[in-house]
Amino acid sequence: MKIILGTTSPYRIQAFKFLRIDFVAEGSKVDESQVDRNNPEELVKELSKLKAEAVAKNHNDAIVIGMDSVGYFNGKILEKPKSREEGFERLKSLSGNSHQFYTGIHIINTATEKVVSRVVKTGIYLRKFSEKEIETYLNQDKFFNTYALGYDPLEHYSSTFTEKIEGSYNNFLRGIPLEAVVGLLQEAGYNL
């Protein structure tokens, strides 16, 4: 049975390769702006479902994995920053504080119509860092605006920002909680 990762995210694709499972990646083209943005858990749950369903409708013998991630800080949902200024201000506000990272996973076995889903939450604690450190990072990483949190925890100067995490490190570091995905794949009927 074919595994389809319903994303074009190079970070998630690279991380999924660690599982050594044959898969293909296929974007979902879901209009994310139509989903209510008040609750981070409900948001990623709904978007991962919509993404999985959009890809699944084109396949009748596959296991489709839809995912979506957002950050959450001070009652606000954090998505990819739209500008360098927004990225700078976000990092300035996150400095010395904690925030959360949510990933919704929705898996559809199109052959059996079995559906499983889960939301994984990771708590992140950042050390206090200076505006100069933020500038150093933003000057290094031209892709800062491709991350839901607005920074890369694995590479560049931003890898020094994190003091500790609570929960799935794969979720935080790779945007895909591999341990949860493996469990859900088995629940959906895939033999690993």
Foldseek 3Di string as FASTA:
>chain_A
DEEEEQDPDPLQVVVVVVVVDDYYYHHQPDDLVVDDFQDQQVSFQVQQVSSQVSVLVVDQAYKYKGKDKWKADPRGTFFQDPDLVSLLVLVQVLAQHKIKMKMKIWIARNNVRDIDIDIWMKMWGWHHDDSVLSVQQCVVDVCLRVGNSSHACPDGSNVNGTDDMGGQPCCVRRVDRVVVVVVVCVVNPDDD
